Amino acid sequence: MHTTLEMSEKVFGIYGKSDTGKTTLIIDIVKNLTKEGFNIASIKITNKKIGIDTKGKDTWKHAEAGSKLIVFSSPIETNFIFKKSKDLSEIIKIINQINKYDLILVEGANDKHIPKIRIGNIEERENTIFTYSGNLKEVIEFLKTKFLGGKNDNKS
């Protein structure tokens, strides 16, 4: 069952067709905001039926045996692999249980409840704030003003 995202959640989406610059924009936003001391999480959503697990690897074998959640941990990262798709509200709930983030960015945002930016020539989705046209500084200032309370006083 899909739950409506609360407006208090600091979640912002970006959508567009393939190869229009969604990932580049997310990366630029993350770099700029983390440089200012903000704690950012990001989500990548795709409509393609793909996964990040690799056939034949140990995590894949765990899933083949029946595990519904597989956690891979190494000295450099930890990955959680759920063998079932989660809707955006479930993903955000999990993220919020892991850590407190100032902003959660969603690449490929379809959820009508979250504000979002459109990139390129694609049908406008509900709750689209504006269309991106290379105006990164405007996007950063918008996010800081509307979602992050202006300047970050906690910059280290």
C-alpha atoms as a PDB file:
ATOM      1  CA  MET A   1       0.000   0.000   0.000  1.00  0.00           C
ATOM      2  CA  HIS A   2       1.330   3.427  -0.950  1.00  0.00           C
ATOM      3  CA  THR A   3       1.475   6.034   1.789  1.00  0.00           C
ATOM      4  CA  THR A   4       1.490   9.732   1.067  1.00  0.00           C
ATOM      5  CA  LEU A   5       4.773  11.413   1.831  1.00  0.00           C
ATOM      6  CA  GLU A   6       4.444  14.034   4.525  1.00  0.00           C
ATOM      7  CA  MET A   7       5.178  17.584   3.436  1.00  0.00           C
ATOM      8  CA  SER A   8       7.588  17.874   6.384  1.00  0.00           C
ATOM      9  CA  GLU A   9       9.861  15.384   4.637  1.00  0.00           C
ATOM     10  CA  LYS A  10      12.717  17.065   2.821  1.00  0.00           C
ATOM     11  CA  VAL A  11      12.431  15.096  -0.398  1.00  0.00           C
ATOM     12  CA  PHE A  12      12.956  16.573  -3.853  1.00  0.00           C
ATOM     13  CA  GLY A  13      12.856  14.834  -7.221  1.00  0.00           C
ATOM     14  CA  ILE A  14      14.361  15.168 -10.668  1.00  0.00           C
ATOM     15  CA  TYR A  15      12.942  13.481 -13.753  1.00  0.00           C
ATOM     16  CA  GLY A  16      13.538  13.348 -17.494  1.00  0.00           C
ATOM     17  CA  LYS A  17      14.239  10.956 -20.339  1.00  0.00           C
ATOM     18  CA  SER A  18      17.463   8.919 -20.514  1.00  0.00           C
ATOM     19  CA  ASP A  19      20.638  10.865 -21.256  1.00  0.00           C
ATOM     20  CA  THR A  20      19.161  14.290 -20.464  1.00  0.00           C
ATOM     21  CA  GLY A  21      21.453  15.053 -17.522  1.00  0.00           C
ATOM     22  CA  LYS A  22      19.517  13.838 -14.476  1.00  0.00           C
ATOM     23  CA  THR A  23      22.507  12.107 -12.895  1.00  0.00           C
ATOM     24  CA  THR A  24      24.792  15.033 -13.720  1.00  0.00           C
ATOM     25  CA  LEU A  25      22.375  17.451 -12.049  1.00  0.00           C
ATOM     26  CA  ILE A  26      22.042  15.240  -8.950  1.00  0.00           C
ATOM     27  CA  ILE A  27      25.843  14.984  -8.690  1.00  0.00           C
ATOM     28  CA  ASP A  28      26.235  18.759  -9.048  1.00  0.00           C
ATOM     29  CA  ILE A  29      23.581  19.399  -6.384  1.00  0.00           C
ATOM     30  CA  VAL A  30      25.133  16.867  -3.986  1.00  0.00           C
ATOM     31  CA  LYS A  31      28.648  18.286  -4.489  1.00  0.00           C
ATOM     32  CA  ASN A  32      27.478  21.861  -3.881  1.00  0.00           C
ATOM     33  CA  LEU A  33      25.328  21.114  -0.838  1.00  0.00           C
ATOM     34  CA  THR A  34      27.762  18.721   0.860  1.00  0.00           C
ATOM     35  CA  LYS A  35      30.543  21.277   0.341  1.00  0.00           C
ATOM     36  CA  GLU A  36      28.365  23.641   2.406  1.00  0.00           C
ATOM     37  CA  GLY A  37      28.024  21.029   5.156  1.00  0.00           C
ATOM     38  CA  PHE A  38      24.590  19.600   4.359  1.00  0.00           C
ATOM     39  CA  ASN A  39      23.968  15.861   4.828  1.00  0.00           C
ATOM     40  CA  ILE A  40      22.395  14.545   1.600  1.00  0.00           C
ATOM     41  CA  ALA A  41      20.926  11.157   0.656  1.00  0.00           C
ATOM     42  CA  SER A  42      20.028  10.184  -2.892  1.00  0.00           C
ATOM     43  CA  ILE A  43      17.781   7.607  -4.501  1.00  0.00           C
ATOM     44  CA  LYS A  44      17.984   6.322  -8.085  1.00  0.00           C
ATOM     45  CA  ILE A  45      14.684   5.004  -9.472  1.00  0.00           C
ATOM     46  CA  THR A  46      14.428   3.281 -12.843  1.00  0.00           C
ATOM     47  CA  ASN A  47      11.603   1.641 -14.754  1.00  0.00           C
ATOM     48  CA  LYS A  48      14.083  -0.853 -16.233  1.00  0.00           C
ATOM     49  CA  LYS A  49      13.968  -4.382 -14.822  1.00  0.00           C
ATOM     50  CA  ILE A  50      17.569  -4.444 -13.609  1.00  0.00           C
ATOM     51  CA  GLY A  51      19.327  -5.065 -10.309  1.00  0.00           C
ATOM     52  CA  ILE A  52      22.762  -4.396  -8.884  1.00  0.00           C
ATOM     53  CA  ASP A  53      23.364  -7.951  -7.685  1.00  0.00           C
ATOM     54  CA  THR A  54      25.574 -10.138  -9.901  1.00  0.00           C
ATOM     55  CA  LYS A  55      24.605 -13.669 -10.891  1.00  0.00           C
ATOM     56  CA  GLY A  56      26.939 -16.233  -9.340  1.00  0.00           C
ATOM     57  CA  LYS A  57      28.263 -13.963  -6.560  1.00  0.00           C
ATOM     58  CA  ASP A  58      27.698 -14.876  -2.907  1.00  0.00           C
ATOM     59  CA  THR A  59      24.956 -12.269  -2.369  1.00  0.00           C
ATOM     60  CA  TRP A  60      23.119 -13.638  -5.408  1.00  0.00           C
ATOM     61  CA  LYS A  61      23.448 -17.158  -3.963  1.00  0.00           C
ATOM     62  CA  HIS A  62      21.926 -15.944  -0.671  1.00  0.00           C
ATOM     63  CA  ALA A  63      18.928 -14.592  -2.611  1.00  0.00           C
ATOM     64  CA  GLU A  64      18.613 -17.764  -4.698  1.00  0.00           C
ATOM     65  CA  ALA A  65      18.485 -19.737  -1.441  1.00  0.00           C
ATOM     66  CA  GLY A  66      15.523 -17.616  -0.313  1.00  0.00           C
ATOM     67  CA  SER A  67      16.839 -14.615   1.635  1.00  0.00           C
ATOM     68  CA  LYS A  68      14.510 -11.631   1.215  1.00  0.00           C
ATOM     69  CA  LEU A  69      17.117  -9.152   2.479  1.00  0.00           C
ATOM     70  CA  ILE A  70      20.815  -9.534   1.823  1.00  0.00           C
ATOM     71  CA  VAL A  71      23.362  -7.178   3.350  1.00  0.00           C
ATOM     72  CA  PHE A  72      26.813  -6.968   1.805  1.00  0.00           C
ATOM     73  CA  SER A  73      29.423  -5.248   3.950  1.00  0.00           C
ATOM     74  CA  SER A  74      33.073  -4.571   3.191  1.00  0.00           C
ATOM     75  CA  PRO A  75      35.679  -2.178   4.601  1.00  0.00           C
ATOM     76  CA  ILE A  76      34.540   0.465   2.079  1.00  0.00           C
ATOM     77  CA  GLU A  77      30.725   0.187   1.898  1.00  0.00           C
ATOM     78  CA  THR A  78      27.548  -1.569   2.990  1.00  0.00           C
ATOM     79  CA  ASN A  79      24.760  -2.497   0.575  1.00  0.00           C
ATOM     80  CA  PHE A  80      21.230  -3.566   1.446  1.00  0.00           C
ATOM     81  CA  ILE A  81      19.577  -5.665  -1.261  1.00  0.00           C
ATOM     82  CA  PHE A  82      15.847  -6.235  -0.836  1.00  0.00           C
ATOM     83  CA  LYS A  83      14.587  -8.944  -3.175  1.00  0.00           C
ATOM     84  CA  LYS A  84      11.329  -7.051  -3.608  1.00  0.00           C
ATOM     85  CA  SER A  85      10.703  -3.623  -5.061  1.00  0.00           C
ATOM     86  CA  LYS A  86       9.868  -0.887  -2.529  1.00  0.00           C
ATOM     87  CA  ASP A  87       7.773   2.190  -3.232  1.00  0.00           C
ATOM     88  CA  LEU A  88       9.260   5.612  -2.563  1.00  0.00           C
ATOM     89  CA  SER A  89       7.569   6.116   0.808  1.00  0.00           C
ATOM     90  CA  GLU A  90       8.982   2.782   2.056  1.00  0.00           C
ATOM     91  CA  ILE A  91      12.466   3.690   0.814  1.00  0.00           C
ATOM     92  CA  ILE A  92      12.342   7.087   2.527  1.00  0.00           C
ATOM     93  CA  LYS A  93      11.131   5.500   5.764  1.00  0.00           C
ATOM     94  CA  ILE A  94      14.127   3.123   5.697  1.00  0.00           C
ATOM     95  CA  ILE A  95      16.550   5.975   4.923  1.00  0.00           C
ATOM     96  CA  ASN A  96      15.175   8.010   7.827  1.00  0.00           C
ATOM     97  CA  GLN A  97      15.686   5.042  10.168  1.00  0.00           C
ATOM     98  CA  ILE A  98      19.334   4.774   9.117  1.00  0.00           C
ATOM     99  CA  ASN A  99      20.339   8.409   9.613  1.00  0.00           C
ATOM    100  CA  LYS A 100      19.061  11.984   9.668  1.00  0.00           C
ATOM    101  CA  TYR A 101      19.531  13.703   6.320  1.00  0.00           C
ATOM    102  CA  ASP A 102      18.986  17.355   5.495  1.00  0.00           C
ATOM    103  CA  LEU A 103      17.633  16.477   2.048  1.00  0.00           C
ATOM    104  CA  ILE A 104      16.774  13.335   0.094  1.00  0.00           C
ATOM    105  CA  LEU A 105      17.125  13.673  -3.688  1.00  0.00           C
ATOM    106  CA  VAL A 106      15.226  11.301  -5.973  1.00  0.00           C
ATOM    107  CA  GLU A 107      16.448  10.707  -9.521  1.00  0.00           C
ATOM    108  CA  GLY A 108      13.610   9.402 -11.683  1.00  0.00           C
ATOM    109  CA  ALA A 109      10.893  10.804  -9.404  1.00  0.00           C
ATOM    110  CA  ASN A 110       7.356   9.716 -10.313  1.00  0.00           C
ATOM    111  CA  ASP A 111       5.612  10.274  -6.982  1.00  0.00           C
ATOM    112  CA  LYS A 112       2.986  12.990  -7.392  1.00  0.00           C
ATOM    113  CA  HIS A 113       3.387  14.098  -3.777  1.00  0.00           C
ATOM    114  CA  ILE A 114       6.971  15.309  -4.000  1.00  0.00           C
ATOM    115  CA  PRO A 115       8.109  18.518  -5.662  1.00  0.00           C
ATOM    116  CA  LYS A 116      10.373  17.980  -8.621  1.00  0.00           C
ATOM    117  CA  ILE A 117      12.352  19.458 -11.499  1.00  0.00           C
ATOM    118  CA  ARG A 118      11.814  18.365 -15.090  1.00  0.00           C
ATOM    119  CA  ILE A 119      14.818  17.993 -17.402  1.00  0.00           C
ATOM    120  CA  GLY A 120      14.378  18.015 -21.158  1.00  0.00           C
ATOM    121  CA  ASN A 121      11.398  17.500 -23.392  1.00  0.00           C
ATOM    122  CA  ILE A 122       9.155  15.156 -21.410  1.00  0.00           C
ATOM    123  CA  GLU A 123       5.537  15.388 -20.339  1.00  0.00           C
ATOM    124  CA  GLU A 124       5.251  17.453 -17.171  1.00  0.00           C
ATOM    125  CA  ARG A 125       4.442  15.452 -14.045  1.00  0.00           C
ATOM    126  CA  GLU A 126       2.302  16.536 -11.128  1.00  0.00           C
ATOM    127  CA  ASN A 127       4.049  18.827  -8.610  1.00  0.00           C
ATOM    128  CA  THR A 128       6.738  19.968 -11.070  1.00  0.00           C
ATOM    129  CA  ILE A 129       8.261  23.202  -9.759  1.00  0.00           C
ATOM    130  CA  PHE A 130      10.195  24.149 -12.893  1.00  0.00           C
ATOM    131  CA  THR A 131      12.091  22.877 -15.918  1.00  0.00           C
ATOM    132  CA  TYR A 132      15.874  22.797 -15.608  1.00  0.00           C
ATOM    133  CA  SER A 133      17.752  24.714 -18.287  1.00  0.00           C
ATOM    134  CA  GLY A 134      21.312  24.744 -16.970  1.00  0.00           C
ATOM    135  CA  ASN A 135      20.574  27.123 -14.100  1.00  0.00           C
ATOM    136  CA  LEU A 136      22.398  25.166 -11.350  1.00  0.00           C
ATOM    137  CA  LYS A 137      22.865  28.169  -9.037  1.00  0.00           C
ATOM    138  CA  GLU A 138      19.117  28.834  -9.157  1.00  0.00           C
ATOM    139  CA  VAL A 139      18.380  25.192  -8.271  1.00  0.00           C
ATOM    140  CA  ILE A 140      20.851  25.257  -5.348  1.00  0.00           C
ATOM    141  CA  GLU A 141      19.395  28.514  -3.989  1.00  0.00           C
ATOM    142  CA  PHE A 142      15.851  27.170  -4.386  1.00  0.00           C
ATOM    143  CA  LEU A 143      16.687  23.987  -2.461  1.00  0.00           C
ATOM    144  CA  LYS A 144      18.499  25.907   0.271  1.00  0.00           C
ATOM    145  CA  THR A 145      15.646  28.383   0.674  1.00  0.00           C
ATOM    146  CA  LYS A 146      12.648  26.031   0.408  1.00  0.00           C
ATOM    147  CA  PHE A 147      14.044  22.819   1.899  1.00  0.00           C
ATOM    148  CA  LEU A 148      17.135  23.618   3.921  1.00  0.00           C
ATOM    149  CA  GLY A 149      16.144  26.794   5.736  1.00  0.00           C
ATOM    150  CA  GLY A 150      18.612  29.040   3.922  1.00  0.00           C
ATOM    151  CA  LYS A 151      22.307  28.998   4.760  1.00  0.00           C
ATOM    152  CA  ASN A 152      23.818  26.117   6.717  1.00  0.00           C
ATOM    153  CA  ASP A 153      25.187  27.338  10.034  1.00  0.00           C
ATOM    154  CA  ASN A 154      26.627  23.905  10.849  1.00  0.00           C
ATOM    155  CA  LYS A 155      29.357  23.976   8.213  1.00  0.00           C
ATOM    156  CA  SER A 156      32.531  22.427   9.556  1.00  0.00           C
END
